[in-house]
């Protein structure tokens, strides 16, 4: 919690995509948590 909202998750996703390839990904999140939906949509 004390590190949320600082862009860390976005950077972690980019690193995962570098390691495992940039295509063919899936995930799910809580529809009611708009900040999560925004993050993933921002990441493509």
ModelCIF file with pLDDT and N, C-alpha, C, O atoms, coordinates in Angstrom:
data_MODEL
#
_entry.id   MODEL 
#
_entity.id                         1 
_entity.type                       polymer 
_entity.pdbx_number_of_molecules   1 
#
_entity_poly.entity_id                      1 
_entity_poly.type                           'polypeptide(L)' 
_entity_poly.nstd_linkage                   no 
_entity_poly.nstd_monomer                   no 
_entity_poly.pdbx_seq_one_letter_code       
;(UNK)(UNK)(UNK)(UNK)(UNK)(UNK)(UNK)(UNK)(UNK)(UNK)(UNK)(UNK)(UNK)(UNK)(UNK)(UNK)
(UNK)(UNK)(UNK)(UNK)(UNK)(UNK)(UNK)(UNK)(UNK)(UNK)(UNK)(UNK)(UNK)(UNK)(UNK)(UNK)
(UNK)(UNK)(UNK)(UNK)(UNK)(UNK)(UNK)(UNK)(UNK)(UNK)(UNK)(UNK)
;
_entity_poly.pdbx_seq_one_letter_code_can   XXXXXXXXXXXXXXXXXXXXXXXXXXXXXXXXXXXXXXXXXXXX 
_entity_poly.pdbx_strand_id                 A 
#
loop_
_entity_poly_seq.entity_id 
_entity_poly_seq.num 
_entity_poly_seq.mon_id 
_entity_poly_seq.hetero 
1 1  UNK n 
1 2  UNK n 
1 3  UNK n 
1 4  UNK n 
1 5  UNK n 
1 6  UNK n 
1 7  UNK n 
1 8  UNK n 
1 9  UNK n 
1 10 UNK n 
1 11 UNK n 
1 12 UNK n 
1 13 UNK n 
1 14 UNK n 
1 15 UNK n 
1 16 UNK n 
1 17 UNK n 
1 18 UNK n 
1 19 UNK n 
1 20 UNK n 
1 21 UNK n 
1 22 UNK n 
1 23 UNK n 
1 24 UNK n 
1 25 UNK n 
1 26 UNK n 
1 27 UNK n 
1 28 UNK n 
1 29 UNK n 
1 30 UNK n 
1 31 UNK n 
1 32 UNK n 
1 33 UNK n 
1 34 UNK n 
1 35 UNK n 
1 36 UNK n 
1 37 UNK n 
1 38 UNK n 
1 39 UNK n 
1 40 UNK n 
1 41 UNK n 
1 42 UNK n 
1 43 UNK n 
1 44 UNK n 
#
_struct_asym.id          A 
_struct_asym.entity_id   1 
#
loop_
_ma_qa_metric.id 
_ma_qa_metric.mode 
_ma_qa_metric.name 
_ma_qa_metric.software_group_id 
_ma_qa_metric.type 
1 global pLDDT . pLDDT 
2 local  pLDDT . pLDDT 
#
_ma_qa_metric_global.metric_id      1 
_ma_qa_metric_global.metric_value   96.43 
_ma_qa_metric_global.model_id       1 
_ma_qa_metric_global.ordinal_id     1 
#
loop_
_ma_qa_metric_local.label_asym_id 
_ma_qa_metric_local.label_comp_id 
_ma_qa_metric_local.label_seq_id 
_ma_qa_metric_local.metric_id 
_ma_qa_metric_local.metric_value 
_ma_qa_metric_local.model_id 
_ma_qa_metric_local.ordinal_id 
A UNK 1  2 97.00 1 1  
A UNK 2  2 97.00 1 2  
A UNK 3  2 96.00 1 3  
A UNK 4  2 95.00 1 4  
A UNK 5  2 93.00 1 5  
A UNK 6  2 94.00 1 6  
A UNK 7  2 94.00 1 7  
A UNK 8  2 97.00 1 8  
A UNK 9  2 97.00 1 9  
A UNK 10 2 96.00 1 10 
A UNK 11 2 97.00 1 11 
A UNK 12 2 98.00 1 12 
A UNK 13 2 98.00 1 13 
A UNK 14 2 97.00 1 14 
A UNK 15 2 97.00 1 15 
A UNK 16 2 98.00 1 16 
A UNK 17 2 97.00 1 17 
A UNK 18 2 96.00 1 18 
A UNK 19 2 96.00 1 19 
A UNK 20 2 96.00 1 20 
A UNK 21 2 94.00 1 21 
A UNK 22 2 91.00 1 22 
A UNK 23 2 91.00 1 23 
A UNK 24 2 96.00 1 24 
A UNK 25 2 97.00 1 25 
A UNK 26 2 98.00 1 26 
A UNK 27 2 98.00 1 27 
A UNK 28 2 98.00 1 28 
A UNK 29 2 98.00 1 29 
A UNK 30 2 98.00 1 30 
A UNK 31 2 98.00 1 31 
A UNK 32 2 98.00 1 32 
A UNK 33 2 97.00 1 33 
A UNK 34 2 97.00 1 34 
A UNK 35 2 96.00 1 35 
A UNK 36 2 96.00 1 36 
A UNK 37 2 98.00 1 37 
A UNK 38 2 97.00 1 38 
A UNK 39 2 97.00 1 39 
A UNK 40 2 97.00 1 40 
A UNK 41 2 98.00 1 41 
A UNK 42 2 96.00 1 42 
A UNK 43 2 96.00 1 43 
A UNK 44 2 97.00 1 44 
#
loop_
_atom_site.group_PDB 
_atom_site.id 
_atom_site.type_symbol 
_atom_site.label_atom_id 
_atom_site.label_alt_id 
_atom_site.label_comp_id 
_atom_site.label_asym_id 
_atom_site.label_entity_id 
_atom_site.label_seq_id 
_atom_site.pdbx_PDB_ins_code 
_atom_site.Cartn_x 
_atom_site.Cartn_y 
_atom_site.Cartn_z 
_atom_site.occupancy 
_atom_site.B_iso_or_equiv 
_atom_site.pdbx_formal_charge 
_atom_site.auth_seq_id 
_atom_site.auth_comp_id 
_atom_site.auth_asym_id 
_atom_site.auth_atom_id 
_atom_site.pdbx_PDB_model_num 
ATOM 1   N N  . UNK A 1 1  ? 0.789   -1.242  0.000   1.00 97.00 ? 1  UNK A N  1 
ATOM 2   C CA . UNK A 1 1  ? 0.000   0.000   0.000   1.00 97.00 ? 1  UNK A CA 1 
ATOM 3   C C  . UNK A 1 1  ? 0.820   1.290   0.000   1.00 97.00 ? 1  UNK A C  1 
ATOM 4   O O  . UNK A 1 1  ? 0.471   2.233   -0.711  1.00 97.00 ? 1  UNK A O  1 
ATOM 5   N N  . UNK A 1 2  ? 1.891   1.352   0.774   1.00 97.00 ? 2  UNK A N  1 
ATOM 6   C CA . UNK A 1 2  ? 2.655   2.600   0.863   1.00 97.00 ? 2  UNK A CA 1 
ATOM 7   C C  . UNK A 1 2  ? 3.435   2.929   -0.407  1.00 97.00 ? 2  UNK A C  1 
ATOM 8   O O  . UNK A 1 2  ? 3.980   4.026   -0.525  1.00 97.00 ? 2  UNK A O  1 
ATOM 9   N N  . UNK A 1 3  ? 3.498   1.996   -1.359  1.00 96.00 ? 3  UNK A N  1 
ATOM 10  C CA . UNK A 1 3  ? 4.222   2.222   -2.608  1.00 96.00 ? 3  UNK A CA 1 
ATOM 11  C C  . UNK A 1 3  ? 3.291   2.307   -3.817  1.00 96.00 ? 3  UNK A C  1 
ATOM 12  O O  . UNK A 1 3  ? 3.760   2.485   -4.941  1.00 96.00 ? 3  UNK A O  1 
ATOM 13  N N  . UNK A 1 4  ? 1.993   2.183   -3.605  1.00 95.00 ? 4  UNK A N  1 
ATOM 14  C CA . UNK A 1 4  ? 1.037   2.226   -4.708  1.00 95.00 ? 4  UNK A CA 1 
ATOM 15  C C  . UNK A 1 4  ? 0.915   3.648   -5.259  1.00 95.00 ? 4  UNK A C  1 
ATOM 16  O O  . UNK A 1 4  ? 1.146   4.628   -4.551  1.00 95.00 ? 4  UNK A O  1 
ATOM 17  N N  . UNK A 1 5  ? 0.550   3.734   -6.530  1.00 93.00 ? 5  UNK A N  1 
ATOM 18  C CA . UNK A 1 5  ? 0.333   5.037   -7.160  1.00 93.00 ? 5  UNK A CA 1 
ATOM 19  C C  . UNK A 1 5  ? 1.605   5.744   -7.582  1.00 93.00 ? 5  UNK A C  1 
ATOM 20  O O  . UNK A 1 5  ? 1.576   6.945   -7.848  1.00 93.00 ? 5  UNK A O  1 
ATOM 21  N N  . UNK A 1 6  ? 2.723   5.032   -7.653  1.00 94.00 ? 6  UNK A N  1 
ATOM 22  C CA . UNK A 1 6  ? 4.009   5.638   -8.014  1.00 94.00 ? 6  UNK A CA 1 
ATOM 23  C C  . UNK A 1 6  ? 4.539   5.144   -9.358  1.00 94.00 ? 6  UNK A C  1 
ATOM 24  O O  . UNK A 1 6  ? 5.677   5.446   -9.717  1.00 94.00 ? 6  UNK A O  1 
ATOM 25  N N  . UNK A 1 7  ? 3.732   4.389   -10.106 1.00 94.00 ? 7  UNK A N  1 
ATOM 26  C CA . UNK A 1 7  ? 4.162   3.886   -11.406 1.00 94.00 ? 7  UNK A CA 1 
ATOM 27  C C  . UNK A 1 7  ? 4.979   2.604   -11.346 1.00 94.00 ? 7  UNK A C  1 
ATOM 28  O O  . UNK A 1 7  ? 5.512   2.160   -12.363 1.00 94.00 ? 7  UNK A O  1 
ATOM 29  N N  . UNK A 1 8  ? 5.082   2.009   -10.174 1.00 97.00 ? 8  UNK A N  1 
ATOM 30  C CA . UNK A 1 8  ? 5.904   0.809   -10.005 1.00 97.00 ? 8  UNK A CA 1 
ATOM 31  C C  . UNK A 1 8  ? 5.297   -0.387  -10.733 1.00 97.00 ? 8  UNK A C  1 
ATOM 32  O O  . UNK A 1 8  ? 6.018   -1.148  -11.377 1.00 97.00 ? 8  UNK A O  1 
ATOM 33  N N  . UNK A 1 9  ? 3.990   -0.559  -10.638 1.00 97.00 ? 9  UNK A N  1 
ATOM 34  C CA . UNK A 1 9  ? 3.332   -1.689  -11.304 1.00 97.00 ? 9  UNK A CA 1 
ATOM 35  C C  . UNK A 1 9  ? 3.531   -1.609  -12.818 1.00 97.00 ? 9  UNK A C  1 
ATOM 36  O O  . UNK A 1 9  ? 3.783   -2.624  -13.466 1.00 97.00 ? 9  UNK A O  1 
ATOM 37  N N  . UNK A 1 10 ? 3.419   -0.426  -13.371 1.00 96.00 ? 10 UNK A N  1 
ATOM 38  C CA . UNK A 1 10 ? 3.623   -0.224  -14.807 1.00 96.00 ? 10 UNK A CA 1 
ATOM 39  C C  . UNK A 1 10 ? 5.027   -0.672  -15.205 1.00 96.00 ? 10 UNK A C  1 
ATOM 40  O O  . UNK A 1 10 ? 5.199   -1.357  -16.213 1.00 96.00 ? 10 UNK A O  1 
ATOM 41  N N  . UNK A 1 11 ? 6.017   -0.292  -14.428 1.00 97.00 ? 11 UNK A N  1 
ATOM 42  C CA . UNK A 1 11 ? 7.398   -0.675  -14.731 1.00 97.00 ? 11 UNK A CA 1 
ATOM 43  C C  . UNK A 1 11 ? 7.586   -2.178  -14.583 1.00 97.00 ? 11 UNK A C  1 
ATOM 44  O O  . UNK A 1 11 ? 8.311   -2.794  -15.363 1.00 97.00 ? 11 UNK A O  1 
ATOM 45  N N  . UNK A 1 12 ? 6.940   -2.766  -13.589 1.00 98.00 ? 12 UNK A N  1 
ATOM 46  C CA . UNK A 1 12 ? 7.050   -4.219  -13.387 1.00 98.00 ? 12 UNK A CA 1 
ATOM 47  C C  . UNK A 1 12 ? 6.434   -4.975  -14.567 1.00 98.00 ? 12 UNK A C  1 
ATOM 48  O O  . UNK A 1 12 ? 6.978   -5.990  -15.004 1.00 98.00 ? 12 UNK A O  1 
ATOM 49  N N  . UNK A 1 13 ? 5.318   -4.495  -15.077 1.00 98.00 ? 13 UNK A N  1 
ATOM 50  C CA . UNK A 1 13 ? 4.686   -5.136  -16.233 1.00 98.00 ? 13 UNK A CA 1 
ATOM 51  C C  . UNK A 1 13 ? 5.613   -5.066  -17.438 1.00 98.00 ? 13 UNK A C  1 
ATOM 52  O O  . UNK A 1 13 ? 5.771   -6.051  -18.160 1.00 98.00 ? 13 UNK A O  1 
ATOM 53  N N  . UNK A 1 14 ? 6.220   -3.921  -17.657 1.00 97.00 ? 14 UNK A N  1 
ATOM 54  C CA . UNK A 1 14 ? 7.155   -3.787  -18.785 1.00 97.00 ? 14 UNK A CA 1 
ATOM 55  C C  . UNK A 1 14 ? 8.309   -4.775  -18.650 1.00 97.00 ? 14 UNK A C  1 
ATOM 56  O O  . UNK A 1 14 ? 8.723   -5.391  -19.632 1.00 97.00 ? 14 UNK A O  1 
ATOM 57  N N  . UNK A 1 15 ? 8.820   -4.922  -17.446 1.00 97.00 ? 15 UNK A N  1 
ATOM 58  C CA . UNK A 1 15 ? 9.918   -5.870  -17.221 1.00 97.00 ? 15 UNK A CA 1 
ATOM 59  C C  . UNK A 1 15 ? 9.462   -7.305  -17.499 1.00 97.00 ? 15 UNK A C  1 
ATOM 60  O O  . UNK A 1 15 ? 10.196  -8.080  -18.112 1.00 97.00 ? 15 UNK A O  1 
ATOM 61  N N  . UNK A 1 16 ? 8.263   -7.658  -17.053 1.00 98.00 ? 16 UNK A N  1 
ATOM 62  C CA . UNK A 1 16 ? 7.730   -9.000  -17.320 1.00 98.00 ? 16 UNK A CA 1 
ATOM 63  C C  . UNK A 1 16 ? 7.618   -9.241  -18.812 1.00 98.00 ? 16 UNK A C  1 
ATOM 64  O O  . UNK A 1 16 ? 7.946   -10.324 -19.297 1.00 98.00 ? 16 UNK A O  1 
ATOM 65  N N  . UNK A 1 17 ? 7.159   -8.240  -19.537 1.00 97.00 ? 17 UNK A N  1 
ATOM 66  C CA . UNK A 1 17 ? 7.004   -8.368  -20.982 1.00 97.00 ? 17 UNK A CA 1 
ATOM 67  C C  . UNK A 1 17 ? 8.362   -8.467  -21.675 1.00 97.00 ? 17 UNK A C  1 
ATOM 68  O O  . UNK A 1 17 ? 8.486   -9.158  -22.686 1.00 97.00 ? 17 UNK A O  1 
ATOM 69  N N  . UNK A 1 18 ? 9.370   -7.793  -21.153 1.00 96.00 ? 18 UNK A N  1 
ATOM 70  C CA . UNK A 1 18 ? 10.721  -7.931  -21.698 1.00 96.00 ? 18 UNK A CA 1 
ATOM 71  C C  . UNK A 1 18 ? 11.241  -9.349  -21.486 1.00 96.00 ? 18 UNK A C  1 
ATOM 72  O O  . UNK A 1 18 ? 11.883  -9.916  -22.370 1.00 96.00 ? 18 UNK A O  1 
ATOM 73  N N  . UNK A 1 19 ? 10.971  -9.911  -20.337 1.00 96.00 ? 19 UNK A N  1 
ATOM 74  C CA . UNK A 1 19 ? 11.468  -11.242 -19.999 1.00 96.00 ? 19 UNK A CA 1 
ATOM 75  C C  . UNK A 1 19 ? 10.740  -12.363 -20.727 1.00 96.00 ? 19 UNK A C  1 
ATOM 76  O O  . UNK A 1 19 ? 11.357  -13.342 -21.148 1.00 96.00 ? 19 UNK A O  1 
ATOM 77  N N  . UNK A 1 20 ? 9.435   -12.218 -20.874 1.00 96.00 ? 20 UNK A N  1 
ATOM 78  C CA . UNK A 1 20 ? 8.604   -13.315 -21.378 1.00 96.00 ? 20 UNK A CA 1 
ATOM 79  C C  . UNK A 1 20 ? 7.994   -13.044 -22.755 1.00 96.00 ? 20 UNK A C  1 
ATOM 80  O O  . UNK A 1 20 ? 7.226   -13.862 -23.262 1.00 96.00 ? 20 UNK A O  1 
ATOM 81  N N  . UNK A 1 21 ? 8.326   -11.915 -23.355 1.00 94.00 ? 21 UNK A N  1 
ATOM 82  C CA . UNK A 1 21 ? 7.787   -11.582 -24.670 1.00 94.00 ? 21 UNK A CA 1 
ATOM 83  C C  . UNK A 1 21 ? 6.650   -10.584 -24.566 1.00 94.00 ? 21 UNK A C  1 
ATOM 84  O O  . UNK A 1 21 ? 5.885   -10.594 -23.601 1.00 94.00 ? 21 UNK A O  1 
ATOM 85  N N  . UNK A 1 22 ? 6.547   -9.730  -25.562 1.00 91.00 ? 22 UNK A N  1 
ATOM 86  C CA . UNK A 1 22 ? 5.590   -8.618  -25.467 1.00 91.00 ? 22 UNK A CA 1 
ATOM 87  C C  . UNK A 1 22 ? 4.173   -8.975  -25.882 1.00 91.00 ? 22 UNK A C  1 
ATOM 88  O O  . UNK A 1 22 ? 3.252   -8.205  -25.610 1.00 91.00 ? 22 UNK A O  1 
ATOM 89  N N  . UNK A 1 23 ? 3.963   -10.117 -26.535 1.00 91.00 ? 23 UNK A N  1 
ATOM 90  C CA . UNK A 1 23 ? 2.621   -10.466 -26.997 1.00 91.00 ? 23 UNK A CA 1 
ATOM 91  C C  . UNK A 1 23 ? 2.041   -11.657 -26.270 1.00 91.00 ? 23 UNK A C  1 
ATOM 92  O O  . UNK A 1 23 ? 2.732   -12.365 -25.538 1.00 91.00 ? 23 UNK A O  1 
ATOM 93  N N  . UNK A 1 24 ? 0.751   -11.862 -26.491 1.00 96.00 ? 24 UNK A N  1 
ATOM 94  C CA . UNK A 1 24 ? 0.021   -13.007 -25.937 1.00 96.00 ? 24 UNK A CA 1 
ATOM 95  C C  . UNK A 1 24 ? -0.017  -13.003 -24.405 1.00 96.00 ? 24 UNK A C  1 
ATOM 96  O O  . UNK A 1 24 ? 0.495   -13.915 -23.756 1.00 96.00 ? 24 UNK A O  1 
ATOM 97  N N  . UNK A 1 25 ? -0.616  -11.989 -23.860 1.00 97.00 ? 25 UNK A N  1 
ATOM 98  C CA . UNK A 1 25 ? -0.773  -11.871 -22.405 1.00 97.00 ? 25 UNK A CA 1 
ATOM 99  C C  . UNK A 1 25 ? -2.248  -11.847 -22.052 1.00 97.00 ? 25 UNK A C  1 
ATOM 100 O O  . UNK A 1 25 ? -3.085  -11.452 -22.863 1.00 97.00 ? 25 UNK A O  1 
ATOM 101 N N  . UNK A 1 26 ? -2.563  -12.274 -20.828 1.00 98.00 ? 26 UNK A N  1 
ATOM 102 C CA . UNK A 1 26 ? -3.915  -12.154 -20.299 1.00 98.00 ? 26 UNK A CA 1 
ATOM 103 C C  . UNK A 1 26 ? -3.838  -11.877 -18.800 1.00 98.00 ? 26 UNK A C  1 
ATOM 104 O O  . UNK A 1 26 ? -2.841  -12.171 -18.141 1.00 98.00 ? 26 UNK A O  1 
ATOM 105 N N  . UNK A 1 27 ? -4.904  -11.313 -18.294 1.00 98.00 ? 27 UNK A N  1 
ATOM 106 C CA . UNK A 1 27 ? -5.028  -11.041 -16.869 1.00 98.00 ? 27 UNK A CA 1 
ATOM 107 C C  . UNK A 1 27 ? -6.473  -10.679 -16.582 1.00 98.00 ? 27 UNK A C  1 
ATOM 108 O O  . UNK A 1 27 ? -7.272  -10.475 -17.497 1.00 98.00 ? 27 UNK A O  1 
ATOM 109 N N  . UNK A 1 28 ? -6.795  -10.604 -15.316 1.00 98.00 ? 28 UNK A N  1 
ATOM 110 C CA . UNK A 1 28 ? -8.102  -10.091 -14.928 1.00 98.00 ? 28 UNK A CA 1 
ATOM 111 C C  . UNK A 1 28 ? -7.918  -9.175  -13.733 1.00 98.00 ? 28 UNK A C  1 
ATOM 112 O O  . UNK A 1 28 ? -6.927  -9.256  -13.007 1.00 98.00 ? 28 UNK A O  1 
ATOM 113 N N  . UNK A 1 29 ? -8.897  -8.302  -13.549 1.00 98.00 ? 29 UNK A N  1 
ATOM 114 C CA . UNK A 1 29 ? -8.867  -7.373  -12.436 1.00 98.00 ? 29 UNK A CA 1 
ATOM 115 C C  . UNK A 1 29 ? -10.295 -7.033  -12.044 1.00 98.00 ? 29 UNK A C  1 
ATOM 116 O O  . UNK A 1 29 ? -11.252 -7.486  -12.672 1.00 98.00 ? 29 UNK A O  1 
ATOM 117 N N  . UNK A 1 30 ? -10.420 -6.252  -11.024 1.00 98.00 ? 30 UNK A N  1 
ATOM 118 C CA . UNK A 1 30 ? -11.731 -5.860  -10.505 1.00 98.00 ? 30 UNK A CA 1 
ATOM 119 C C  . UNK A 1 30 ? -12.282 -4.695  -11.333 1.00 98.00 ? 30 UNK A C  1 
ATOM 120 O O  . UNK A 1 30 ? -11.671 -3.628  -11.396 1.00 98.00 ? 30 UNK A O  1 
ATOM 121 N N  . UNK A 1 31 ? -13.413 -4.904  -11.950 1.00 98.00 ? 31 UNK A N  1 
ATOM 122 C CA . UNK A 1 31 ? -14.041 -3.879  -12.787 1.00 98.00 ? 31 UNK A CA 1 
ATOM 123 C C  . UNK A 1 31 ? -14.271 -2.583  -12.012 1.00 98.00 ? 31 UNK A C  1 
ATOM 124 O O  . UNK A 1 31 ? -14.110 -1.494  -12.563 1.00 98.00 ? 31 UNK A O  1 
ATOM 125 N N  . UNK A 1 32 ? -14.643 -2.695  -10.748 1.00 98.00 ? 32 UNK A N  1 
ATOM 126 C CA . UNK A 1 32 ? -14.962 -1.525  -9.934  1.00 98.00 ? 32 UNK A CA 1 
ATOM 127 C C  . UNK A 1 32 ? -13.722 -0.727  -9.523  1.00 98.00 ? 32 UNK A C  1 
ATOM 128 O O  . UNK A 1 32 ? -13.852 0.396   -9.037  1.00 98.00 ? 32 UNK A O  1 
ATOM 129 N N  . UNK A 1 33 ? -12.533 -1.282  -9.708  1.00 97.00 ? 33 UNK A N  1 
ATOM 130 C CA . UNK A 1 33 ? -11.287 -0.580  -9.384  1.00 97.00 ? 33 UNK A CA 1 
ATOM 131 C C  . UNK A 1 33 ? -10.758 0.089   -10.654 1.00 97.00 ? 33 UNK A C  1 
ATOM 132 O O  . UNK A 1 33 ? -9.911  -0.461  -11.357 1.00 97.00 ? 33 UNK A O  1 
ATOM 133 N N  . UNK A 1 34 ? -11.273 1.275   -10.926 1.00 97.00 ? 34 UNK A N  1 
ATOM 134 C CA . UNK A 1 34 ? -10.969 1.964   -12.174 1.00 97.00 ? 34 UNK A CA 1 
ATOM 135 C C  . UNK A 1 34 ? -9.477  2.258   -12.349 1.00 97.00 ? 34 UNK A C  1 
ATOM 136 O O  . UNK A 1 34 ? -8.989  2.283   -13.479 1.00 97.00 ? 34 UNK A O  1 
ATOM 137 N N  . UNK A 1 35 ? -8.748  2.479   -11.259 1.00 96.00 ? 35 UNK A N  1 
ATOM 138 C CA . UNK A 1 35 ? -7.309  2.748   -11.397 1.00 96.00 ? 35 UNK A CA 1 
ATOM 139 C C  . UNK A 1 35 ? -6.578  1.514   -11.929 1.00 96.00 ? 35 UNK A C  1 
ATOM 140 O O  . UNK A 1 35 ? -5.604  1.645   -12.670 1.00 96.00 ? 35 UNK A O  1 
ATOM 141 N N  . UNK A 1 36 ? -7.038  0.321   -11.557 1.00 96.00 ? 36 UNK A N  1 
ATOM 142 C CA . UNK A 1 36 ? -6.436  -0.900  -12.090 1.00 96.00 ? 36 UNK A CA 1 
ATOM 143 C C  . UNK A 1 36 ? -6.762  -1.049  -13.578 1.00 96.00 ? 36 UNK A C  1 
ATOM 144 O O  . UNK A 1 36 ? -5.885  -1.348  -14.388 1.00 96.00 ? 36 UNK A O  1 
ATOM 145 N N  . UNK A 1 37 ? -8.022  -0.837  -13.923 1.00 98.00 ? 37 UNK A N  1 
ATOM 146 C CA . UNK A 1 37 ? -8.429  -0.927  -15.330 1.00 98.00 ? 37 UNK A CA 1 
ATOM 147 C C  . UNK A 1 37 ? -7.654  0.086   -16.169 1.00 98.00 ? 37 UNK A C  1 
ATOM 148 O O  . UNK A 1 37 ? -7.202  -0.231  -17.269 1.00 98.00 ? 37 UNK A O  1 
ATOM 149 N N  . UNK A 1 38 ? -7.503  1.286   -15.657 1.00 97.00 ? 38 UNK A N  1 
ATOM 150 C CA . UNK A 1 38 ? -6.762  2.328   -16.367 1.00 97.00 ? 38 UNK A CA 1 
ATOM 151 C C  . UNK A 1 38 ? -5.311  1.906   -16.583 1.00 97.00 ? 38 UNK A C  1 
ATOM 152 O O  . UNK A 1 38 ? -4.765  2.087   -17.672 1.00 97.00 ? 38 UNK A O  1 
ATOM 153 N N  . UNK A 1 39 ? -4.687  1.347   -15.551 1.00 97.00 ? 39 UNK A N  1 
ATOM 154 C CA . UNK A 1 39 ? -3.297  0.897   -15.661 1.00 97.00 ? 39 UNK A CA 1 
ATOM 155 C C  . UNK A 1 39 ? -3.146  -0.102  -16.803 1.00 97.00 ? 39 UNK A C  1 
ATOM 156 O O  . UNK A 1 39 ? -2.293  0.072   -17.674 1.00 97.00 ? 39 UNK A O  1 
ATOM 157 N N  . UNK A 1 40 ? -3.966  -1.137  -16.802 1.00 97.00 ? 40 UNK A N  1 
ATOM 158 C CA . UNK A 1 40 ? -3.825  -2.179  -17.814 1.00 97.00 ? 40 UNK A CA 1 
ATOM 159 C C  . UNK A 1 40 ? -4.137  -1.665  -19.208 1.00 97.00 ? 40 UNK A C  1 
ATOM 160 O O  . UNK A 1 40 ? -3.469  -2.042  -20.171 1.00 97.00 ? 40 UNK A O  1 
ATOM 161 N N  . UNK A 1 41 ? -5.141  -0.809  -19.326 1.00 98.00 ? 41 UNK A N  1 
ATOM 162 C CA . UNK A 1 41 ? -5.476  -0.253  -20.630 1.00 98.00 ? 41 UNK A CA 1 
ATOM 163 C C  . UNK A 1 41 ? -4.360  0.658   -21.131 1.00 98.00 ? 41 UNK A C  1 
ATOM 164 O O  . UNK A 1 41 ? -4.056  0.679   -22.324 1.00 98.00 ? 41 UNK A O  1 
ATOM 165 N N  . UNK A 1 42 ? -3.755  1.404   -20.223 1.00 96.00 ? 42 UNK A N  1 
ATOM 166 C CA . UNK A 1 42 ? -2.614  2.254   -20.556 1.00 96.00 ? 42 UNK A CA 1 
ATOM 167 C C  . UNK A 1 42 ? -1.436  1.416   -21.056 1.00 96.00 ? 42 UNK A C  1 
ATOM 168 O O  . UNK A 1 42 ? -0.653  1.872   -21.889 1.00 96.00 ? 42 UNK A O  1 
ATOM 169 N N  . UNK A 1 43 ? -1.316  0.192   -20.545 1.00 96.00 ? 43 UNK A N  1 
ATOM 170 C CA . UNK A 1 43 ? -0.219  -0.712  -20.915 1.00 96.00 ? 43 UNK A CA 1 
ATOM 171 C C  . UNK A 1 43 ? -0.531  -1.496  -22.197 1.00 96.00 ? 43 UNK A C  1 
ATOM 172 O O  . UNK A 1 43 ? 0.260   -2.341  -22.615 1.00 96.00 ? 43 UNK A O  1 
ATOM 173 N N  . UNK A 1 44 ? -1.682  -1.215  -22.817 1.00 97.00 ? 44 UNK A N  1 
ATOM 174 C CA . UNK A 1 44 ? -2.020  -1.855  -24.087 1.00 97.00 ? 44 UNK A CA 1 
ATOM 175 C C  . UNK A 1 44 ? -2.932  -3.054  -23.980 1.00 97.00 ? 44 UNK A C  1 
ATOM 176 O O  . UNK A 1 44 ? -3.275  -3.662  -24.994 1.00 97.00 ? 44 UNK A O  1 
#
